[in-house]
Amino acid sequence: MKRRFSAIIIAMVLVGCASAGPARPVLSENPPPLPAAAAPILFFQRFLSRADGHRCPMTPSCSSYAMESIRRHGAVMGWIMACDRLMRCGRDELKHRPAVKTRNGWRCSDPVANNDFWMH
């Protein structure tokens, strides 16, 4: 009786492990290529922003927001959303959005996900 019970438990564990699938999703080694429209933003992030410092009062920063919007919505709509963000940055938006603590201090939270609701 004990052998049968042990065999059933072992079989259940083996079947459960075999059907569980991989523990983590397999990520591709290379992210999808960015459109050429992202080149000025990459230049700004890699060279100008490092010399100038992090001054954007919002999180994510305007350049990160632009990159994410281009990745999510393509070059044209991403640039439109980035320009919209640049016009809003540091103005009334700071009064209407919640402040969040980041490693660079308190910033106004304005992610892409909060601004593309009208696209879906």
Protein backbone atom coordinates (compact mmCIF):
# COMPACT_ATOMS: atom_id res chain seq x y z
CA MET A 1 0.00 0.00 0.00
CA LYS A 2 2.84 2.38 0.89
CA ARG A 3 4.62 1.55 -2.38
CA ARG A 4 1.52 2.24 -4.43
CA PHE A 5 0.96 5.57 -2.64
CA SER A 6 4.62 6.54 -3.13
CA ALA A 7 4.47 5.58 -6.82
CA ILE A 8 1.32 7.69 -7.32
CA ILE A 9 2.92 10.69 -5.61
CA ILE A 10 6.11 10.36 -7.68
CA ALA A 11 4.08 10.03 -10.89
CA MET A 12 2.04 13.12 -10.02
CA VAL A 13 5.19 15.14 -9.32
CA LEU A 14 6.81 14.04 -12.59
CA VAL A 15 3.70 14.80 -14.63
CA GLY A 16 3.32 18.15 -12.89
CA CYS A 17 6.92 19.10 -13.58
CA ALA A 18 6.73 17.97 -17.19
CA SER A 19 3.63 20.01 -17.92
CA ALA A 20 4.69 23.16 -16.07
CA GLY A 21 6.72 24.58 -18.96
CA PRO A 22 9.72 26.86 -18.58
CA ALA A 23 10.08 28.77 -15.33
CA ARG A 24 10.75 32.10 -17.08
CA PRO A 25 9.80 33.33 -20.52
CA VAL A 26 12.66 33.17 -22.97
CA LEU A 27 13.73 36.68 -23.88
CA SER A 28 15.20 37.44 -27.26
CA GLU A 29 18.84 38.41 -27.09
CA ASN A 30 18.40 41.47 -29.27
CA PRO A 31 15.55 43.93 -28.79
CA PRO A 32 13.67 44.92 -31.93
CA PRO A 33 15.45 47.65 -33.89
CA LEU A 34 14.34 51.21 -33.28
CA PRO A 35 13.22 53.34 -36.20
CA ALA A 36 15.53 56.06 -37.51
CA ALA A 37 13.24 58.60 -35.81
CA ALA A 38 14.77 57.55 -32.49
CA ALA A 39 18.32 58.56 -33.53
CA PRO A 40 18.09 62.18 -32.26
CA ILE A 41 16.71 60.96 -28.94
CA LEU A 42 19.50 58.39 -28.57
CA PHE A 43 22.06 61.10 -29.36
CA PHE A 44 20.53 63.34 -26.70
CA GLN A 45 20.45 60.55 -24.10
CA ARG A 46 23.99 59.33 -24.73
CA PHE A 47 25.84 62.61 -25.13
CA LEU A 48 23.92 65.76 -24.22
CA SER A 49 21.94 64.53 -21.23
CA ARG A 50 24.99 63.01 -19.56
CA ALA A 51 26.81 66.33 -19.76
CA ASP A 52 23.77 68.38 -18.80
CA GLY A 53 22.39 66.21 -16.00
CA HIS A 54 18.89 65.03 -15.15
CA ARG A 55 16.70 68.13 -15.05
CA CYS A 56 13.30 66.88 -16.19
CA PRO A 57 10.68 67.41 -13.45
CA MET A 58 8.69 64.42 -14.68
CA THR A 59 9.16 60.67 -14.63
CA PRO A 60 9.96 59.04 -16.96
CA SER A 61 12.18 61.76 -18.36
CA CYS A 62 11.02 63.37 -21.59
CA SER A 63 13.60 61.49 -23.65
CA SER A 64 12.64 58.15 -22.06
CA TYR A 65 8.99 58.99 -22.65
CA ALA A 66 9.76 59.70 -26.31
CA MET A 67 11.64 56.41 -26.74
CA GLU A 68 8.83 54.42 -25.13
CA SER A 69 6.15 56.13 -27.21
CA ILE A 70 8.11 55.44 -30.42
CA ARG A 71 8.54 51.78 -29.43
CA ARG A 72 4.86 51.37 -28.59
CA HIS A 73 3.20 53.46 -31.30
CA GLY A 74 5.68 53.82 -34.15
CA ALA A 75 7.75 56.72 -35.40
CA VAL A 76 5.04 59.20 -36.41
CA MET A 77 2.65 58.81 -33.48
CA GLY A 78 5.59 58.44 -31.10
CA TRP A 79 7.03 61.78 -32.21
CA ILE A 80 3.61 63.43 -31.88
CA MET A 81 3.28 62.09 -28.34
CA ALA A 82 6.85 63.19 -27.52
CA CYS A 83 6.17 66.73 -28.76
CA ASP A 84 2.96 66.81 -26.72
CA ARG A 85 4.94 65.76 -23.66
CA LEU A 86 7.57 68.45 -24.26
CA MET A 87 4.84 71.09 -24.41
CA ARG A 88 3.33 69.83 -21.13
CA CYS A 89 6.59 69.30 -19.25
CA GLY A 90 7.00 71.48 -16.20
CA ARG A 91 3.83 73.51 -16.64
CA ASP A 92 0.32 72.84 -15.30
CA GLU A 93 1.00 69.13 -15.49
CA LEU A 94 2.99 69.34 -12.27
CA LYS A 95 -0.13 70.49 -10.43
CA HIS A 96 -2.41 67.81 -11.86
CA ARG A 97 -0.26 64.67 -11.69
CA PRO A 98 0.81 62.80 -8.57
CA ALA A 99 4.36 63.22 -7.31
CA VAL A 100 6.47 60.10 -6.89
CA LYS A 101 9.81 59.60 -5.16
CA THR A 102 12.60 58.59 -7.56
CA ARG A 103 16.35 58.24 -7.13
CA ASN A 104 16.63 61.83 -8.42
CA GLY A 105 14.14 63.26 -5.91
CA TRP A 106 10.43 63.95 -6.23
CA ARG A 107 9.10 63.89 -9.79
CA CYS A 108 5.71 64.21 -11.42
CA SER A 109 4.46 60.83 -12.69
CA ASP A 110 3.44 60.91 -16.37
CA PRO A 111 3.95 57.52 -18.07
CA VAL A 112 3.05 56.78 -21.69
CA ALA A 113 0.32 54.39 -20.54
CA ASN A 114 -1.59 57.32 -19.02
CA ASN A 115 -1.56 59.25 -22.29
CA ASP A 116 -2.37 56.71 -24.98
CA PHE A 117 -5.81 55.65 -23.74
CA TRP A 118 -7.49 57.34 -26.72
CA MET A 119 -5.58 55.13 -29.17
CA HIS A 120 -7.16 51.86 -28.13
